[in-house]
Amino acid sequence: MQNTELESALRLLGAQPEDSALVIKRKYRALVRRYHPDEAAGGGSDIGTNESGASAEALRRIIRAYETVRSAPHESLKSVLRQAAECNPAAFCPRVLYGSHDLFGEVQEDLYVRGTDRYFWDPDEEEFLLFLKSVNQAARRLLEDDEDLTYQLKLFHLLVQEYIRPLYCLEKLAESSEKCADGSRIYEVSARMPAPAGMQTVYDDSGPEIYDCVLGGTKICAVLPDGTRQQISLEEDGCYYPLAMMMARDAAELSAVTRRVKSGQDRQTGGASDSTERKRIRGTGKKKETIRLILRVHVRDTERASAAGCSSTEIKHLLEEHRYVLSH
């Protein structure tokens, strides 16, 4: 393969030769979302949305570029630690840092151990699912492989937070950011939520719907006009813990903004835009409507948003309680 072909493919993806495979994969996914025909038709893209088929052609070019990068035999995308991975010496226990020989695989297989320590999670160097796998294994070891899911989940959530620096991860995972007049920053993250029954989703020149967001237990929820809460799903799963940690500390405020897209019928007739799409429910013939959102994350307290979790005391008490339950 010619180097110029690889360079052109990387340039189209907004990537650099020194970027890790995870960074390139994340940029590719963001471009696919951005240039998807439904998104482009609603004004969410800058690729000539008034021209028929422009978004589809752009999407084909992006996919071809990604396939070019995937098949390139270049060493710069090798899954290695580019620098000494940072650790949290205050973390309760070490964990395994995994790598995969299949750098661009959607399902991580053929794993190998890159190291064992109290590693912080770095989205550019460690796949989120492999990070969760590592933390889950650490939790099971501490519980001596006991199958009690109640203790496993409690311990898992406490451990995860010790390996995450929320703002550090958000800066790498967010699609964009802007600086406010007071020096604080607002980050944007793509999300979805089910469309509540009877909800009016079409909006006019008055603009999109905006909802405040709250942390409901372990879920991020939008507060609807009637006061009810609707769970939000993030397009980038790795954003959940950083956002939840910042919300729990009152370090950031979240608002959900409906994302303007057109339905298939509207694209044909030039009708009004809406923010809904229909998705088939797995295992059934039914369809459900989901609302596409942009989460605007206003980080107000950088210091509290940056710190990793410190749960060692809680973890110690939980393990003591678990040992007591097992012995009685």
Protein backbone atom coordinates (compact mmCIF):
# COMPACT_ATOMS: atom_id res chain seq x y z
CA MET A 1 0.00 0.00 0.00
CA GLN A 2 1.31 3.43 -0.93
CA ASN A 3 2.12 5.71 2.02
CA THR A 4 0.22 8.51 0.30
CA GLU A 5 -2.94 6.38 0.31
CA LEU A 6 -2.60 5.74 4.04
CA GLU A 7 -1.83 9.39 4.72
CA SER A 8 -4.92 10.47 2.76
CA ALA A 9 -7.09 7.99 4.66
CA LEU A 10 -5.79 9.20 8.02
CA ARG A 11 -6.30 12.82 6.98
CA LEU A 12 -9.91 12.11 5.99
CA LEU A 13 -10.51 10.56 9.40
CA GLY A 14 -8.89 13.53 11.14
CA ALA A 15 -6.19 11.25 12.54
CA GLN A 16 -2.41 11.26 12.74
CA PRO A 17 0.03 8.37 12.12
CA GLU A 18 1.06 8.48 15.78
CA ASP A 19 -2.56 8.12 17.01
CA SER A 20 -3.40 4.85 18.74
CA ALA A 21 -5.88 2.44 17.18
CA LEU A 22 -8.44 3.42 19.83
CA VAL A 23 -8.16 7.11 18.94
CA ILE A 24 -8.61 6.37 15.23
CA LYS A 25 -11.54 4.07 15.91
CA ARG A 26 -13.21 6.73 18.09
CA LYS A 27 -12.73 9.42 15.43
CA TYR A 28 -14.17 7.10 12.80
CA ARG A 29 -17.28 6.40 14.88
CA ALA A 30 -17.80 10.12 15.51
CA LEU A 31 -17.58 10.82 11.77
CA VAL A 32 -20.05 8.05 10.99
CA ARG A 33 -22.53 9.59 13.42
CA ARG A 34 -21.90 13.08 12.08
CA TYR A 35 -22.24 12.21 8.39
CA HIS A 36 -25.04 9.68 8.68
CA PRO A 37 -27.72 10.63 6.10
CA ASP A 38 -30.36 11.19 8.80
CA GLU A 39 -28.04 13.49 10.70
CA ALA A 40 -26.93 15.39 7.62
CA ALA A 41 -30.48 15.87 6.41
CA GLY A 42 -31.33 17.66 9.62
CA GLY A 43 -28.51 20.17 9.41
CA GLY A 44 -26.11 18.40 11.74
CA SER A 45 -23.39 18.21 9.10
CA ASP A 46 -21.47 20.54 6.80
CA ILE A 47 -21.28 18.36 3.69
CA GLY A 48 -23.84 19.98 1.43
CA THR A 49 -27.07 18.66 2.89
CA ASN A 50 -29.20 20.25 0.18
CA GLU A 51 -27.65 17.99 -2.46
CA SER A 52 -29.25 14.60 -2.83
CA GLY A 53 -26.93 11.77 -1.79
CA ALA A 54 -24.14 14.04 -0.55
CA SER A 55 -24.18 12.60 2.96
CA ALA A 56 -24.29 9.01 1.69
CA GLU A 57 -21.27 9.61 -0.55
CA ALA A 58 -19.33 11.21 2.31
CA LEU A 59 -20.17 8.24 4.52
CA ARG A 60 -18.88 5.83 1.86
CA ARG A 61 -15.59 7.76 1.66
CA ILE A 62 -15.21 7.62 5.43
CA ILE A 63 -15.82 3.86 5.53
CA ARG A 64 -13.31 3.29 2.69
CA ALA A 65 -10.73 5.38 4.51
CA TYR A 66 -11.21 3.39 7.70
CA GLU A 67 -10.85 0.10 5.85
CA THR A 68 -7.60 1.42 4.33
CA VAL A 69 -6.23 2.22 7.78
CA ARG A 70 -7.37 -1.13 9.20
CA SER A 71 -5.53 -3.07 6.51
CA ALA A 72 -2.33 -1.03 6.66
CA PRO A 73 0.70 -2.99 7.97
CA HIS A 74 2.23 0.01 9.72
CA GLU A 75 3.86 -0.22 13.11
CA SER A 76 2.67 3.14 14.41
CA LEU A 77 -0.73 1.67 15.31
CA LYS A 78 0.68 -1.20 17.34
CA SER A 79 -1.04 -1.70 20.68
CA VAL A 80 1.82 -0.81 23.01
CA LEU A 81 2.14 1.56 25.94
CA ARG A 82 3.44 4.73 24.33
CA GLN A 83 4.65 6.02 27.66
CA ALA A 84 4.72 4.76 31.23
CA ALA A 85 1.05 4.37 32.15
CA GLU A 86 0.04 6.56 35.09
CA CYS A 87 -1.14 4.92 38.29
CA ASN A 88 -3.24 5.90 41.27
CA PRO A 89 -1.13 4.95 44.31
CA ALA A 90 -4.19 5.49 46.51
CA ALA A 91 -6.25 2.87 44.66
CA PHE A 92 -7.28 -0.09 46.82
CA CYS A 93 -5.72 -2.77 44.61
CA PRO A 94 -3.91 -3.33 41.30
CA ARG A 95 -5.65 -4.47 38.14
CA VAL A 96 -4.61 -6.07 34.85
CA LEU A 97 -4.10 -3.87 31.80
CA TYR A 98 -5.10 -5.83 28.70
CA GLY A 99 -4.21 -5.36 25.07
CA SER A 100 -5.59 -6.97 21.93
CA HIS A 101 -3.68 -8.15 18.86
CA ASP A 102 -6.81 -7.33 16.83
CA LEU A 103 -6.41 -3.57 17.09
CA PHE A 104 -9.55 -2.57 15.21
CA GLY A 105 -11.79 -5.49 16.11
CA GLU A 106 -15.24 -4.64 17.44
CA VAL A 107 -15.15 -7.73 19.66
CA GLN A 108 -11.88 -7.81 21.57
CA GLU A 109 -10.24 -11.21 21.26
CA ASP A 110 -6.72 -12.60 21.31
CA LEU A 111 -5.90 -10.64 24.47
CA TYR A 112 -2.58 -10.35 26.22
CA VAL A 113 -1.49 -8.78 29.51
CA ARG A 114 0.31 -5.46 29.12
CA GLY A 115 0.92 -4.97 32.82
CA THR A 116 -0.50 -5.22 36.34
CA ASP A 117 -0.63 -2.15 38.58
CA ARG A 118 -3.01 0.52 39.90
CA TYR A 119 -3.41 1.97 36.41
CA PHE A 120 -5.63 4.93 35.67
CA TRP A 121 -7.92 4.33 32.70
CA ASP A 122 -6.72 6.13 29.56
CA PRO A 123 -9.35 6.10 26.76
CA ASP A 124 -6.60 6.51 24.16
CA GLU A 125 -4.75 3.40 25.27
CA GLU A 126 -7.32 0.98 26.73
CA GLU A 127 -10.63 -0.15 25.26
CA PHE A 128 -13.49 0.65 27.65
CA LEU A 129 -14.80 -2.92 27.61
CA LEU A 130 -11.34 -4.25 28.47
CA PHE A 131 -11.12 -1.73 31.31
CA LEU A 132 -14.45 -2.99 32.69
CA LYS A 133 -13.25 -6.59 32.29
CA SER A 134 -10.10 -5.75 34.27
CA VAL A 135 -12.02 -4.06 37.12
CA ASN A 136 -14.55 -6.89 37.27
CA GLN A 137 -11.74 -9.41 37.63
CA ALA A 138 -10.20 -7.33 40.44
CA ALA A 139 -13.57 -7.26 42.23
CA ARG A 140 -14.00 -11.03 41.91
CA ARG A 141 -10.50 -11.63 43.28
CA LEU A 142 -11.24 -9.45 46.32
CA LEU A 143 -14.48 -11.36 46.89
CA GLU A 144 -12.62 -14.65 46.42
CA ASP A 145 -14.83 -15.49 43.42
CA ASP A 146 -18.01 -15.43 45.48
CA GLU A 147 -21.02 -15.32 43.09
CA ASP A 148 -23.10 -12.87 45.19
CA LEU A 149 -24.03 -10.24 42.58
CA THR A 150 -25.04 -7.67 45.18
CA TYR A 151 -21.51 -7.45 46.57
CA GLN A 152 -19.94 -7.79 43.13
CA LEU A 153 -21.83 -4.77 41.78
CA LYS A 154 -21.20 -2.59 44.85
CA LEU A 155 -17.49 -3.39 44.84
CA PHE A 156 -17.23 -3.00 41.06
CA HIS A 157 -18.69 0.53 41.10
CA LEU A 158 -16.41 1.60 43.94
CA LEU A 159 -13.29 0.21 42.24
CA VAL A 160 -14.07 1.73 38.83
CA GLN A 161 -14.07 5.23 40.28
CA GLU A 162 -10.58 4.78 41.75
CA TYR A 163 -9.12 4.27 38.26
CA ILE A 164 -10.93 7.15 36.55
CA ARG A 165 -9.96 10.82 36.38
CA PRO A 166 -13.31 12.20 35.16
CA LEU A 167 -12.27 15.39 33.42
CA TYR A 168 -9.19 13.79 31.86
CA CYS A 169 -11.38 11.11 30.28
CA LEU A 170 -14.14 13.52 29.24
CA GLU A 171 -11.66 15.75 27.41
CA LYS A 172 -10.62 12.75 25.30
CA LEU A 173 -14.09 11.34 24.71
CA ALA A 174 -16.22 14.45 24.16
CA GLU A 175 -17.03 15.40 20.57
CA SER A 176 -16.38 19.11 21.09
CA SER A 177 -15.92 21.79 23.74
CA GLU A 178 -16.18 25.53 24.11
CA LYS A 179 -14.78 27.99 26.61
CA CYS A 180 -17.16 30.20 28.59
CA ALA A 181 -16.60 33.84 29.54
CA ASP A 182 -15.86 32.86 33.15
CA GLY A 183 -13.13 30.43 32.04
CA SER A 184 -15.17 27.25 32.56
CA ARG A 185 -15.77 24.84 29.69
CA ILE A 186 -18.76 23.12 28.12
CA TYR A 187 -18.29 19.68 26.52
CA GLU A 188 -20.72 17.95 24.15
CA VAL A 189 -21.55 14.24 24.12
CA SER A 190 -24.04 12.42 21.84
CA ALA A 191 -26.87 10.55 23.55
CA ARG A 192 -30.38 9.13 23.13
CA MET A 193 -33.48 8.56 25.19
CA PRO A 194 -36.82 6.83 24.54
CA ALA A 195 -39.52 9.19 23.31
CA PRO A 196 -42.16 9.53 26.06
CA ALA A 197 -45.68 8.62 24.97
CA GLY A 198 -47.53 11.55 23.44
CA MET A 199 -44.48 13.80 23.46
CA GLN A 200 -44.35 16.46 20.75
CA THR A 201 -40.96 16.08 19.12
CA VAL A 202 -41.32 18.34 16.09
CA TYR A 203 -40.06 21.83 16.79
CA ASP A 204 -40.07 25.07 14.87
CA ASP A 205 -37.84 28.16 14.71
CA SER A 206 -38.20 28.59 18.47
CA GLY A 207 -35.48 25.94 18.73
CA PRO A 208 -34.98 22.48 20.24
CA GLU A 209 -36.24 21.17 23.55
CA ILE A 210 -33.78 21.49 26.45
CA TYR A 211 -33.97 19.33 29.57
CA ASP A 212 -32.05 19.48 32.83
CA CYS A 213 -30.26 16.27 33.74
CA VAL A 214 -29.96 14.61 37.14
CA LEU A 215 -28.27 11.54 38.56
CA GLY A 216 -30.92 9.02 39.57
CA GLY A 217 -29.16 6.26 41.47
CA THR A 218 -26.74 4.84 38.90
CA LYS A 219 -28.52 6.40 35.91
CA ILE A 220 -28.25 9.75 34.14
CA CYS A 221 -31.79 11.03 33.53
CA ALA A 222 -33.45 13.93 31.74
CA VAL A 223 -36.14 15.78 33.70
CA LEU A 224 -39.21 16.10 31.46
CA PRO A 225 -41.67 19.03 31.57
CA ASP A 226 -44.10 17.03 33.75
CA GLY A 227 -41.36 16.35 36.30
CA THR A 228 -40.84 12.70 35.39
CA ARG A 229 -37.36 11.35 34.69
CA GLN A 230 -36.26 9.54 31.54
CA GLN A 231 -33.03 7.53 31.43
CA ILE A 232 -30.45 8.67 28.89
CA SER A 233 -28.16 6.33 26.92
CA LEU A 234 -24.76 7.63 25.83
CA GLU A 235 -23.38 6.96 22.35
CA GLU A 236 -19.90 6.65 23.89
CA ASP A 237 -20.25 4.21 26.80
CA GLY A 238 -16.96 5.33 28.30
CA CYS A 239 -18.44 8.75 29.11
CA TYR A 240 -20.86 7.37 31.70
CA TYR A 241 -18.58 7.08 34.74
CA PRO A 242 -16.77 10.41 34.20
CA LEU A 243 -20.12 12.21 33.90
CA ALA A 244 -21.74 10.39 36.82
CA MET A 245 -18.74 11.09 39.06
CA MET A 246 -18.77 14.81 38.21
CA MET A 247 -22.53 15.05 38.77
CA ALA A 248 -22.28 13.29 42.14
CA ARG A 249 -19.69 15.86 43.23
CA ASP A 250 -21.67 18.85 41.90
CA ALA A 251 -18.65 19.60 39.73
CA ALA A 252 -20.66 19.78 36.49
CA GLU A 253 -24.16 20.61 35.27
CA LEU A 254 -25.72 18.63 32.42
CA SER A 255 -28.47 19.60 30.02
CA ALA A 256 -29.92 17.50 27.19
CA VAL A 257 -30.69 19.24 23.89
CA THR A 258 -32.78 17.54 21.21
CA ARG A 259 -30.73 17.00 18.08
CA ARG A 260 -32.43 18.11 14.87
CA VAL A 261 -32.75 15.41 12.23
CA LYS A 262 -35.34 14.64 9.55
CA SER A 263 -37.47 11.56 9.23
CA GLY A 264 -37.47 9.68 5.93
CA GLN A 265 -40.78 11.20 4.87
CA ASP A 266 -39.64 14.72 5.68
CA ARG A 267 -36.52 14.31 3.54
CA GLN A 268 -38.73 13.45 0.58
CA THR A 269 -41.31 16.18 1.10
CA GLY A 270 -39.15 18.91 2.60
CA GLY A 271 -41.39 18.95 5.68
CA ALA A 272 -40.62 19.92 9.23
CA SER A 273 -37.62 18.49 11.03
CA ASP A 274 -37.87 16.39 14.14
CA SER A 275 -35.48 14.71 16.56
CA THR A 276 -36.87 11.19 16.60
CA GLU A 277 -36.04 7.97 14.86
CA ARG A 278 -37.53 4.49 15.04
CA LYS A 279 -35.47 1.53 16.17
CA ARG A 280 -36.61 -2.09 16.07
CA ILE A 281 -36.72 -3.70 19.50
CA ARG A 282 -34.45 -6.74 19.48
CA GLY A 283 -36.35 -10.02 19.46
CA THR A 284 -39.69 -8.50 18.53
CA GLY A 285 -41.36 -7.07 15.47
CA LYS A 286 -42.13 -3.85 17.32
CA LYS A 287 -40.47 -0.51 16.84
CA LYS A 288 -39.78 2.20 19.37
CA GLU A 289 -39.02 5.87 18.96
CA THR A 290 -35.83 7.31 20.37
CA ILE A 291 -34.88 10.96 20.67
CA ARG A 292 -31.36 11.91 19.63
CA LEU A 293 -29.70 14.29 22.04
CA ILE A 294 -26.60 16.34 22.64
CA LEU A 295 -25.55 16.41 26.29
CA ARG A 296 -23.98 19.74 27.17
CA VAL A 297 -21.65 19.24 30.12
CA HIS A 298 -20.78 22.48 31.89
CA VAL A 299 -17.77 21.82 34.13
CA ARG A 300 -17.89 24.41 36.90
CA ASP A 301 -15.34 23.01 39.38
CA THR A 302 -12.23 21.77 37.59
CA GLU A 303 -10.52 20.54 40.75
CA ARG A 304 -13.39 18.32 41.84
CA ALA A 305 -14.00 17.20 38.26
CA SER A 306 -10.38 16.09 37.87
CA ALA A 307 -9.85 13.95 40.96
CA ALA A 308 -10.09 10.17 40.86
CA GLY A 309 -12.39 8.44 43.29
CA CYS A 310 -11.13 7.64 46.76
CA SER A 311 -13.19 4.70 47.99
CA SER A 312 -10.68 2.61 49.93
CA THR A 313 -12.46 3.03 53.28
CA GLU A 314 -15.82 2.07 51.76
CA ILE A 315 -14.23 -0.89 49.98
CA LYS A 316 -12.61 -2.10 53.20
CA HIS A 317 -15.92 -1.92 55.08
CA LEU A 318 -17.74 -3.69 52.26
CA LEU A 319 -15.22 -6.54 52.25
CA GLU A 320 -15.44 -6.87 56.04
CA GLU A 321 -19.22 -7.07 55.77
CA HIS A 322 -18.92 -9.67 53.02
CA ARG A 323 -16.57 -11.84 55.09
CA TYR A 324 -18.95 -11.60 58.06
CA VAL A 325 -21.92 -12.70 55.91
CA LEU A 326 -19.94 -15.65 54.53
CA SER A 327 -18.89 -16.79 57.97
CA HIS A 328 -22.43 -16.71 59.35
